[in-house]
Amino acid sequence: DGNDYAISSSNINSWRPRKNLAINLVAFLRTENFETQLYTMNPDGSNLFKVTSISVDGFRQSELDFSWSSNGSKLIYPHFDKLYEINKDGSGLRLVHQTPDGSFISECDWSNDGSMIVLKTNNSNGYNVKIYTIDNNGAILQTIVSGVNGAAGGVNLSIDNKLLLYTYDVSEFESASYRQLDSRMFIYNFATSNSEDISADKEDGTIDVDPRFSPSEAKVIFVNTSNDGI
């Protein structure tokens, strides 16, 4: 009916909700006792469950992400330079990948068929970014972005594993405040190894961030906001 209602407490910091349609559960991040952990709940906020005991951690909590398996049985999440897999009931914790250079893993996305994971890594300041894919045993498959200045993120795989959506700040600006000046959306084609800028209509002085393929994958859903960070 268009009415809004809270499904998490205003007294605790909860963010990054991701719903799994197969099992109708929402996973999200919550800071409690100075640590960030993964929780799940029903879409109405009931049946709250803490999944992780090893924290979700790395560069800037606001930049961290996790991913469901398509069937909703497992989740993957970063802990500094490590990527963990865990069952939704909190059992079966498994180290999937550790970055070879000690970089922090900030973002991850699990392919629909479960055969591939894409990672975005960075140093402790958020820069020296890499975007690359691994298999379920942690072996590196393909590197999409590396050796560039500036921020990147927003990784999302298409359902057929042919395309990767991500953002990159083409201004190459780097600062202690992690401000982005000209972040644009790109779609990488695995067959051709080419990236296409799809932010051609972006207004000057703004950034495109947090993109996801729409359910039909004919479009992209994203946030466009002022580059002043406010």
C-alpha atoms as a PDB file:
ATOM      1  CA  ASP A   1       0.000   0.000   0.000  1.00  0.00           C
ATOM      2  CA  GLY A   2       3.014   2.290  -0.124  1.00  0.00           C
ATOM      3  CA  ASN A   3       3.516   2.445   3.638  1.00  0.00           C
ATOM      4  CA  ASP A   4       7.011   2.406   5.093  1.00  0.00           C
ATOM      5  CA  TYR A   5       7.970   0.471   8.202  1.00  0.00           C
ATOM      6  CA  ALA A   6      11.286  -0.230   9.912  1.00  0.00           C
ATOM      7  CA  ILE A   7      12.608  -3.796   9.821  1.00  0.00           C
ATOM      8  CA  SER A   8      15.723  -3.080  11.890  1.00  0.00           C
ATOM      9  CA  SER A   9      16.305  -1.145  15.091  1.00  0.00           C
ATOM     10  CA  SER A  10      17.222   2.536  14.916  1.00  0.00           C
ATOM     11  CA  ASN A  11      19.499   1.987  17.929  1.00  0.00           C
ATOM     12  CA  ILE A  12      21.904  -0.279  16.014  1.00  0.00           C
ATOM     13  CA  ASN A  13      23.739   0.477  12.768  1.00  0.00           C
ATOM     14  CA  SER A  14      22.450  -1.923  10.072  1.00  0.00           C
ATOM     15  CA  TRP A  15      23.138  -1.556   6.350  1.00  0.00           C
ATOM     16  CA  ARG A  16      23.783  -3.231   2.970  1.00  0.00           C
ATOM     17  CA  PRO A  17      20.596  -5.360   2.827  1.00  0.00           C
ATOM     18  CA  ARG A  18      20.576  -8.038   0.137  1.00  0.00           C
ATOM     19  CA  LYS A  19      17.505 -10.199  -0.351  1.00  0.00           C
ATOM     20  CA  ASN A  20      17.719 -13.763  -1.638  1.00  0.00           C
ATOM     21  CA  LEU A  21      14.538 -14.576  -3.537  1.00  0.00           C
ATOM     22  CA  ALA A  22      15.051 -18.352  -3.454  1.00  0.00           C
ATOM     23  CA  ILE A  23      14.702 -18.551   0.344  1.00  0.00           C
ATOM     24  CA  ASN A  24      13.048 -15.181   1.012  1.00  0.00           C
ATOM     25  CA  LEU A  25      15.687 -14.012   3.495  1.00  0.00           C
ATOM     26  CA  VAL A  26      17.454 -10.669   3.817  1.00  0.00           C
ATOM     27  CA  ALA A  27      21.147 -10.673   4.717  1.00  0.00           C
ATOM     28  CA  PHE A  28      22.711  -7.461   5.977  1.00  0.00           C
ATOM     29  CA  LEU A  29      25.659  -6.001   7.873  1.00  0.00           C
ATOM     30  CA  ARG A  30      25.348  -4.851  11.475  1.00  0.00           C
ATOM     31  CA  THR A  31      27.871  -3.200  13.790  1.00  0.00           C
ATOM     32  CA  GLU A  32      27.688  -4.547  17.305  1.00  0.00           C
ATOM     33  CA  ASN A  33      30.328  -4.408  20.070  1.00  0.00           C
ATOM     34  CA  PHE A  34      32.645  -2.550  17.678  1.00  0.00           C
ATOM     35  CA  GLU A  35      32.572  -5.389  15.130  1.00  0.00           C
ATOM     36  CA  THR A  36      30.667  -5.798  11.868  1.00  0.00           C
ATOM     37  CA  GLN A  37      28.924  -9.134  11.406  1.00  0.00           C
ATOM     38  CA  LEU A  38      26.571 -10.705   8.865  1.00  0.00           C
ATOM     39  CA  TYR A  39      22.958 -11.219   9.942  1.00  0.00           C
ATOM     40  CA  THR A  40      19.864 -12.587   8.251  1.00  0.00           C
ATOM     41  CA  MET A  41      16.179 -11.909   8.871  1.00  0.00           C
ATOM     42  CA  ASN A  42      12.795 -12.358   7.259  1.00  0.00           C
ATOM     43  CA  PRO A  43      11.628  -9.501   5.014  1.00  0.00           C
ATOM     44  CA  ASP A  44       9.420  -8.227   7.850  1.00  0.00           C
ATOM     45  CA  GLY A  45      12.391  -8.053  10.254  1.00  0.00           C
ATOM     46  CA  SER A  46      11.524 -11.203  12.219  1.00  0.00           C
ATOM     47  CA  ASN A  47      13.701 -14.284  12.805  1.00  0.00           C
ATOM     48  CA  LEU A  48      16.918 -12.303  13.299  1.00  0.00           C
ATOM     49  CA  PHE A  49      19.992 -14.550  13.095  1.00  0.00           C
ATOM     50  CA  LYS A  50      23.715 -13.786  13.462  1.00  0.00           C
ATOM     51  CA  VAL A  51      25.577 -15.773  10.807  1.00  0.00           C
ATOM     52  CA  THR A  52      29.244 -14.875  11.332  1.00  0.00           C
ATOM     53  CA  SER A  53      31.672 -14.953  14.228  1.00  0.00           C
ATOM     54  CA  ILE A  54      34.733 -13.823  12.246  1.00  0.00           C
ATOM     55  CA  SER A  55      33.921 -10.213  11.417  1.00  0.00           C
ATOM     56  CA  VAL A  56      33.298  -8.606   8.043  1.00  0.00           C
ATOM     57  CA  ASP A  57      36.242  -6.245   7.892  1.00  0.00           C
ATOM     58  CA  GLY A  58      38.638  -4.288   5.709  1.00  0.00           C
ATOM     59  CA  PHE A  59      38.875  -0.784   4.297  1.00  0.00           C
ATOM     60  CA  ARG A  60      35.958   1.440   5.418  1.00  0.00           C
ATOM     61  CA  GLN A  61      32.876  -0.395   6.632  1.00  0.00           C
ATOM     62  CA  SER A  62      30.720   1.645   4.244  1.00  0.00           C
ATOM     63  CA  GLU A  63      32.613   0.145   1.290  1.00  0.00           C
ATOM     64  CA  LEU A  64      32.311  -3.513   2.333  1.00  0.00           C
ATOM     65  CA  ASP A  65      29.981  -5.930   0.569  1.00  0.00           C
ATOM     66  CA  PHE A  66      29.081  -9.624   0.558  1.00  0.00           C
ATOM     67  CA  SER A  67      27.172 -11.981  -1.730  1.00  0.00           C
ATOM     68  CA  TRP A  68      24.599 -14.761  -1.537  1.00  0.00           C
ATOM     69  CA  SER A  69      24.857 -17.994  -3.463  1.00  0.00           C
ATOM     70  CA  SER A  70      21.930 -18.072  -5.887  1.00  0.00           C
ATOM     71  CA  ASN A  71      20.127 -20.849  -3.975  1.00  0.00           C
ATOM     72  CA  GLY A  72      20.519 -19.022  -0.663  1.00  0.00           C
ATOM     73  CA  SER A  73      22.429 -21.801   1.090  1.00  0.00           C
ATOM     74  CA  LYS A  74      25.710 -19.905   1.522  1.00  0.00           C
ATOM     75  CA  LEU A  75      27.258 -16.441   1.700  1.00  0.00           C
ATOM     76  CA  ILE A  76      30.720 -15.108   0.930  1.00  0.00           C
ATOM     77  CA  TYR A  77      32.267 -12.123   2.686  1.00  0.00           C
ATOM     78  CA  PRO A  78      35.647 -10.383   3.175  1.00  0.00           C
ATOM     79  CA  HIS A  79      37.861 -10.227   6.240  1.00  0.00           C
ATOM     80  CA  PHE A  80      40.791  -7.961   5.356  1.00  0.00           C
ATOM     81  CA  ASP A  81      42.858  -9.986   2.818  1.00  0.00           C
ATOM     82  CA  LYS A  82      40.723 -13.122   3.101  1.00  0.00           C
ATOM     83  CA  LEU A  83      37.446 -14.205   1.476  1.00  0.00           C
ATOM     84  CA  TYR A  84      35.306 -16.587   3.511  1.00  0.00           C
ATOM     85  CA  GLU A  85      32.370 -18.822   2.591  1.00  0.00           C
ATOM     86  CA  ILE A  86      29.801 -19.719   5.243  1.00  0.00           C
ATOM     87  CA  ASN A  87      26.484 -21.569   5.370  1.00  0.00           C
ATOM     88  CA  LYS A  88      23.463 -19.417   6.142  1.00  0.00           C
ATOM     89  CA  ASP A  89      23.085 -21.200   9.500  1.00  0.00           C
ATOM     90  CA  GLY A  90      26.624 -20.136  10.503  1.00  0.00           C
ATOM     91  CA  SER A  91      28.250 -23.531   9.964  1.00  0.00           C
ATOM     92  CA  GLY A  92      30.867 -24.631   7.446  1.00  0.00           C
ATOM     93  CA  LEU A  93      33.175 -21.609   7.521  1.00  0.00           C
ATOM     94  CA  ARG A  94      35.755 -22.009   4.719  1.00  0.00           C
ATOM     95  CA  LEU A  95      38.631 -19.846   3.534  1.00  0.00           C
ATOM     96  CA  VAL A  96      38.104 -19.464  -0.220  1.00  0.00           C
ATOM     97  CA  HIS A  97      40.849 -17.012  -1.181  1.00  0.00           C
ATOM     98  CA  GLN A  98      43.649 -14.923   0.292  1.00  0.00           C
ATOM     99  CA  THR A  99      45.041 -12.051  -1.771  1.00  0.00           C
ATOM    100  CA  PRO A 100      48.623 -12.774  -2.887  1.00  0.00           C
ATOM    101  CA  ASP A 101      49.841  -9.232  -2.127  1.00  0.00           C
ATOM    102  CA  GLY A 102      48.010  -8.659   1.173  1.00  0.00           C
ATOM    103  CA  SER A 103      45.467  -6.276  -0.362  1.00  0.00           C
ATOM    104  CA  PHE A 104      42.117  -5.934   1.386  1.00  0.00           C
ATOM    105  CA  ILE A 105      39.037  -7.455  -0.251  1.00  0.00           C
ATOM    106  CA  SER A 106      36.236  -4.880  -0.201  1.00  0.00           C
ATOM    107  CA  GLU A 107      33.615  -6.243  -2.596  1.00  0.00           C
ATOM    108  CA  CYS A 108      32.609  -9.630  -3.980  1.00  0.00           C
ATOM    109  CA  ASP A 109      29.899 -11.039  -6.222  1.00  0.00           C
ATOM    110  CA  TRP A 110      29.085 -14.722  -6.731  1.00  0.00           C
ATOM    111  CA  SER A 111      27.973 -15.823 -10.202  1.00  0.00           C
ATOM    112  CA  ASN A 112      24.479 -17.248 -10.598  1.00  0.00           C
ATOM    113  CA  ASP A 113      25.802 -20.715 -11.478  1.00  0.00           C
ATOM    114  CA  GLY A 114      28.281 -20.651  -8.581  1.00  0.00           C
ATOM    115  CA  SER A 115      31.315 -21.224 -10.822  1.00  0.00           C
ATOM    116  CA  MET A 116      32.946 -17.813 -10.479  1.00  0.00           C
ATOM    117  CA  ILE A 117      33.467 -15.008  -7.969  1.00  0.00           C
ATOM    118  CA  VAL A 118      34.531 -11.465  -8.815  1.00  0.00           C
ATOM    119  CA  LEU A 119      36.538  -9.481  -6.258  1.00  0.00           C
ATOM    120  CA  LYS A 120      37.496  -5.837  -5.836  1.00  0.00           C
ATOM    121  CA  THR A 121      40.627  -5.351  -3.764  1.00  0.00           C
ATOM    122  CA  ASN A 122      42.483  -2.267  -2.571  1.00  0.00           C
ATOM    123  CA  ASN A 123      45.132  -1.098  -0.119  1.00  0.00           C
ATOM    124  CA  SER A 124      44.389   0.307   3.342  1.00  0.00           C
ATOM    125  CA  ASN A 125      43.638   3.717   1.785  1.00  0.00           C
ATOM    126  CA  GLY A 126      41.162   2.333  -0.740  1.00  0.00           C
ATOM    127  CA  TYR A 127      43.471   2.623  -3.739  1.00  0.00           C
ATOM    128  CA  ASN A 128      45.799   0.434  -5.836  1.00  0.00           C
ATOM    129  CA  VAL A 129      42.591  -1.328  -6.849  1.00  0.00           C
ATOM    130  CA  LYS A 130      42.264  -4.624  -8.636  1.00  0.00           C
ATOM    131  CA  ILE A 131      39.147  -6.271 -10.011  1.00  0.00           C
ATOM    132  CA  TYR A 132      39.574  -9.948 -10.850  1.00  0.00           C
ATOM    133  CA  THR A 133      37.734 -13.253 -10.933  1.00  0.00           C
ATOM    134  CA  ILE A 134      38.460 -16.483  -9.066  1.00  0.00           C
ATOM    135  CA  ASP A 135      37.010 -19.978  -9.083  1.00  0.00           C
ATOM    136  CA  ASN A 136      35.458 -21.623  -6.014  1.00  0.00           C
ATOM    137  CA  ASN A 137      38.863 -22.938  -4.950  1.00  0.00           C
ATOM    138  CA  GLY A 138      40.321 -19.435  -4.925  1.00  0.00           C
ATOM    139  CA  ALA A 139      42.427 -19.722  -8.079  1.00  0.00           C
ATOM    140  CA  ILE A 140      42.661 -16.468 -10.045  1.00  0.00           C
ATOM    141  CA  LEU A 141      40.973 -16.716 -13.441  1.00  0.00           C
ATOM    142  CA  GLN A 142      41.121 -13.286 -15.058  1.00  0.00           C
ATOM    143  CA  THR A 143      42.140  -9.730 -14.117  1.00  0.00           C
ATOM    144  CA  ILE A 144      39.860  -6.952 -15.344  1.00  0.00           C
ATOM    145  CA  VAL A 145      41.307  -3.839 -13.665  1.00  0.00           C
ATOM    146  CA  SER A 146      44.801  -3.311 -12.221  1.00  0.00           C
ATOM    147  CA  GLY A 147      47.649  -0.804 -12.242  1.00  0.00           C
ATOM    148  CA  VAL A 148      45.391   2.260 -12.153  1.00  0.00           C
ATOM    149  CA  ASN A 149      45.013   5.240  -9.833  1.00  0.00           C
ATOM    150  CA  GLY A 150      41.717   6.205  -8.205  1.00  0.00           C
ATOM    151  CA  ALA A 151      38.728   4.374  -6.746  1.00  0.00           C
ATOM    152  CA  ALA A 152      36.683   1.517  -8.212  1.00  0.00           C
ATOM    153  CA  GLY A 153      33.873  -0.746  -7.099  1.00  0.00           C
ATOM    154  CA  GLY A 154      30.269  -1.774  -7.629  1.00  0.00           C
ATOM    155  CA  VAL A 155      31.096  -5.191  -9.095  1.00  0.00           C
ATOM    156  CA  ASN A 156      28.131  -7.228 -10.394  1.00  0.00           C
ATOM    157  CA  LEU A 157      28.152 -10.226 -12.753  1.00  0.00           C
ATOM    158  CA  SER A 158      25.471 -10.838 -15.366  1.00  0.00           C
ATOM    159  CA  ILE A 159      23.457 -14.046 -15.025  1.00  0.00           C
ATOM    160  CA  ASP A 160      25.237 -15.704 -17.986  1.00  0.00           C
ATOM    161  CA  ASN A 161      28.760 -14.741 -16.777  1.00  0.00           C
ATOM    162  CA  LYS A 162      29.372 -12.838 -20.020  1.00  0.00           C
ATOM    163  CA  LEU A 163      29.380  -9.297 -18.586  1.00  0.00           C
ATOM    164  CA  LEU A 164      30.731  -7.537 -15.508  1.00  0.00           C
ATOM    165  CA  LEU A 165      29.362  -4.227 -14.280  1.00  0.00           C
ATOM    166  CA  TYR A 166      31.653  -1.986 -12.233  1.00  0.00           C
ATOM    167  CA  THR A 167      32.540   1.648 -11.530  1.00  0.00           C
ATOM    168  CA  TYR A 168      35.837   3.492 -11.874  1.00  0.00           C
ATOM    169  CA  ASP A 169      36.845   7.079 -11.115  1.00  0.00           C
ATOM    170  CA  VAL A 170      38.380   8.157 -14.420  1.00  0.00           C
ATOM    171  CA  SER A 171      39.755  11.333 -12.809  1.00  0.00           C
ATOM    172  CA  GLU A 172      42.268   9.072 -11.002  1.00  0.00           C
ATOM    173  CA  PHE A 173      41.909  11.371  -7.981  1.00  0.00           C
ATOM    174  CA  GLU A 174      43.195  10.045  -4.659  1.00  0.00           C
ATOM    175  CA  SER A 175      42.803  11.651  -1.226  1.00  0.00           C
ATOM    176  CA  ALA A 176      42.686  10.776   2.466  1.00  0.00           C
ATOM    177  CA  SER A 177      38.922  11.428   2.437  1.00  0.00           C
ATOM    178  CA  TYR A 178      38.388   8.877  -0.383  1.00  0.00           C
ATOM    179  CA  ARG A 179      36.481  11.478  -2.407  1.00  0.00           C
ATOM    180  CA  GLN A 180      35.591  10.436  -5.950  1.00  0.00           C
ATOM    181  CA  LEU A 181      35.357  13.093  -8.676  1.00  0.00           C
ATOM    182  CA  ASP A 182      34.228  11.362 -11.873  1.00  0.00           C
ATOM    183  CA  SER A 183      33.188   7.774 -11.158  1.00  0.00           C
ATOM    184  CA  ARG A 184      31.568   6.169 -14.169  1.00  0.00           C
ATOM    185  CA  MET A 185      29.905   2.828 -14.846  1.00  0.00           C
ATOM    186  CA  PHE A 186      31.570   0.341 -17.153  1.00  0.00           C
ATOM    187  CA  ILE A 187      30.464  -2.990 -18.586  1.00  0.00           C
ATOM    188  CA  TYR A 188      33.281  -5.440 -19.232  1.00  0.00           C
ATOM    189  CA  ASN A 189      32.761  -8.120 -21.888  1.00  0.00           C
ATOM    190  CA  PHE A 190      34.620 -11.330 -21.006  1.00  0.00           C
ATOM    191  CA  ALA A 191      34.614 -12.537 -24.639  1.00  0.00           C
ATOM    192  CA  THR A 192      36.233  -9.416 -26.091  1.00  0.00           C
ATOM    193  CA  SER A 193      38.107  -8.173 -22.965  1.00  0.00           C
ATOM    194  CA  ASN A 194      36.729  -4.694 -23.671  1.00  0.00           C
ATOM    195  CA  SER A 195      35.077  -2.270 -21.238  1.00  0.00           C
ATOM    196  CA  GLU A 196      32.326   0.120 -22.350  1.00  0.00           C
ATOM    197  CA  ASP A 197      31.598   3.384 -20.529  1.00  0.00           C
ATOM    198  CA  ILE A 198      27.807   3.576 -20.015  1.00  0.00           C
ATOM    199  CA  SER A 199      27.823   6.859 -18.055  1.00  0.00           C
ATOM    200  CA  ALA A 200      27.850   9.075 -21.137  1.00  0.00           C
ATOM    201  CA  ASP A 201      24.820  11.073 -19.936  1.00  0.00           C
ATOM    202  CA  LYS A 202      26.194  11.676 -16.436  1.00  0.00           C
ATOM    203  CA  GLU A 203      26.009  15.298 -15.323  1.00  0.00           C
ATOM    204  CA  ASP A 204      29.329  17.033 -14.658  1.00  0.00           C
ATOM    205  CA  GLY A 205      30.246  17.184 -10.976  1.00  0.00           C
ATOM    206  CA  THR A 206      28.416  13.953 -10.159  1.00  0.00           C
ATOM    207  CA  ILE A 207      29.409  10.325  -9.742  1.00  0.00           C
ATOM    208  CA  ASP A 208      27.659   7.081 -10.649  1.00  0.00           C
ATOM    209  CA  VAL A 209      28.073   4.461  -7.896  1.00  0.00           C
ATOM    210  CA  ASP A 210      26.561   1.248  -6.467  1.00  0.00           C
ATOM    211  CA  PRO A 211      25.313  -0.145  -9.801  1.00  0.00           C
ATOM    212  CA  ARG A 212      23.406  -3.426 -10.194  1.00  0.00           C
ATOM    213  CA  PHE A 213      21.922  -5.106 -13.224  1.00  0.00           C
ATOM    214  CA  SER A 214      18.132  -4.818 -13.221  1.00  0.00           C
ATOM    215  CA  PRO A 215      16.169  -8.089 -12.805  1.00  0.00           C
ATOM    216  CA  SER A 216      15.762  -8.357 -16.586  1.00  0.00           C
ATOM    217  CA  GLU A 217      19.395  -7.258 -17.108  1.00  0.00           C
ATOM    218  CA  ALA A 218      18.198  -4.991 -19.908  1.00  0.00           C
ATOM    219  CA  LYS A 219      18.962  -2.004 -17.692  1.00  0.00           C
ATOM    220  CA  VAL A 220      21.193  -0.911 -14.829  1.00  0.00           C
ATOM    221  CA  ILE A 221      20.052   0.461 -11.461  1.00  0.00           C
ATOM    222  CA  PHE A 222      22.511   2.848  -9.821  1.00  0.00           C
ATOM    223  CA  VAL A 223      23.017   5.897  -7.615  1.00  0.00           C
ATOM    224  CA  ASN A 224      23.976   9.266  -9.115  1.00  0.00           C
ATOM    225  CA  THR A 225      25.063  11.850  -6.562  1.00  0.00           C
ATOM    226  CA  SER A 226      27.199  14.968  -6.161  1.00  0.00           C
ATOM    227  CA  ASN A 227      30.921  14.308  -6.041  1.00  0.00           C
ATOM    228  CA  ASP A 228      31.306  16.455  -2.908  1.00  0.00           C
ATOM    229  CA  GLY A 229      30.388  13.454  -0.774  1.00  0.00           C
ATOM    230  CA  ILE A 230      27.396  15.266   0.745  1.00  0.00           C
END
